[in-house]
């Protein structure tokens, strides 16, 4: 259990960096006006395909792993 406590912070740092990169790589069709309630005809829901869908799923998995590692860090203290 001590070795897990020793390497868990490094795992969390790696997961957080990967999660931030995965979020930054995702591109949305909405512009700055859409963030403030403006509307245009191109901003809307669309089907994710190919790399965009894979990146979306990887982001979800990374987020779940990060949350699980945070709970594990709370338990091991």
Protein backbone atom coordinates (compact mmCIF):
# COMPACT_ATOMS: atom_id res chain seq x y z
CA UNK A 1 0.00 0.00 0.00
CA UNK A 2 2.93 2.32 0.63
CA UNK A 3 4.21 1.94 -2.92
CA UNK A 4 0.77 2.89 -4.24
CA UNK A 5 0.78 5.99 -2.04
CA UNK A 6 4.23 6.84 -3.36
CA UNK A 7 3.38 6.60 -7.07
CA UNK A 8 -0.23 7.86 -6.95
CA UNK A 9 0.69 11.57 -7.17
CA UNK A 10 2.70 10.90 -10.33
CA UNK A 11 -0.20 8.95 -11.82
CA UNK A 12 -2.54 11.84 -11.04
CA UNK A 13 -0.16 14.37 -12.62
CA UNK A 14 0.09 12.26 -15.79
CA UNK A 15 -3.69 11.77 -15.94
CA UNK A 16 -4.34 15.48 -15.42
CA UNK A 17 -1.94 16.47 -18.20
CA UNK A 18 -3.47 13.93 -20.58
CA UNK A 19 -6.99 15.07 -19.65
CA UNK A 20 -6.17 18.73 -20.28
CA UNK A 21 -4.60 17.87 -23.64
CA UNK A 22 -7.61 15.78 -24.65
CA UNK A 23 -9.97 18.61 -23.75
CA UNK A 24 -7.89 21.19 -25.62
CA UNK A 25 -7.75 19.02 -28.73
CA UNK A 26 -11.51 18.87 -28.99
CA UNK A 27 -12.85 21.42 -31.40
CA UNK A 28 -16.37 22.74 -31.33
CA UNK A 29 -18.29 24.41 -34.09
CA UNK A 30 -19.59 27.13 -31.79
CA UNK A 31 -17.90 30.48 -31.91
CA UNK A 32 -17.49 33.05 -29.17
CA UNK A 33 -20.99 34.39 -29.81
CA UNK A 34 -22.49 31.02 -28.96
CA UNK A 35 -20.88 31.16 -25.53
CA UNK A 36 -22.82 34.32 -24.71
CA UNK A 37 -26.19 33.23 -26.03
CA UNK A 38 -25.77 34.32 -29.63
CA UNK A 39 -26.97 31.94 -32.25
CA UNK A 40 -25.90 31.11 -35.74
CA UNK A 41 -27.12 28.41 -38.06
CA UNK A 42 -23.93 26.32 -37.95
CA UNK A 43 -23.77 25.88 -34.19
CA UNK A 44 -25.76 22.88 -33.13
CA UNK A 45 -25.49 19.27 -32.32
CA UNK A 46 -23.67 17.03 -34.74
CA UNK A 47 -22.66 13.41 -34.88
CA UNK A 48 -19.09 12.70 -33.87
CA UNK A 49 -17.23 10.51 -36.32
CA UNK A 50 -13.75 9.09 -36.66
CA UNK A 51 -11.00 10.68 -34.61
CA UNK A 52 -13.41 13.14 -32.99
CA UNK A 53 -15.47 10.29 -31.53
CA UNK A 54 -12.35 8.43 -30.38
CA UNK A 55 -10.99 11.57 -28.72
CA UNK A 56 -14.34 12.15 -27.01
CA UNK A 57 -14.37 8.60 -25.63
CA UNK A 58 -10.73 8.85 -24.52
CA UNK A 59 -11.56 12.08 -22.68
CA UNK A 60 -14.38 10.35 -20.81
CA UNK A 61 -12.13 7.43 -19.86
CA UNK A 62 -9.36 9.79 -18.68
CA UNK A 63 -11.84 11.75 -16.57
CA UNK A 64 -13.15 8.57 -14.94
CA UNK A 65 -9.61 7.35 -14.24
CA UNK A 66 -8.68 10.71 -12.74
CA UNK A 67 -11.72 10.69 -10.43
CA UNK A 68 -10.99 7.11 -9.38
CA UNK A 69 -7.37 8.01 -8.61
CA UNK A 70 -8.55 10.97 -6.53
CA UNK A 71 -10.85 8.70 -4.50
CA UNK A 72 -8.04 6.19 -4.13
CA UNK A 73 -5.78 8.96 -2.83
CA UNK A 74 -8.41 9.85 -0.23
CA UNK A 75 -8.75 6.25 0.87
CA UNK A 76 -5.03 5.55 1.17
CA UNK A 77 -4.32 8.55 3.41
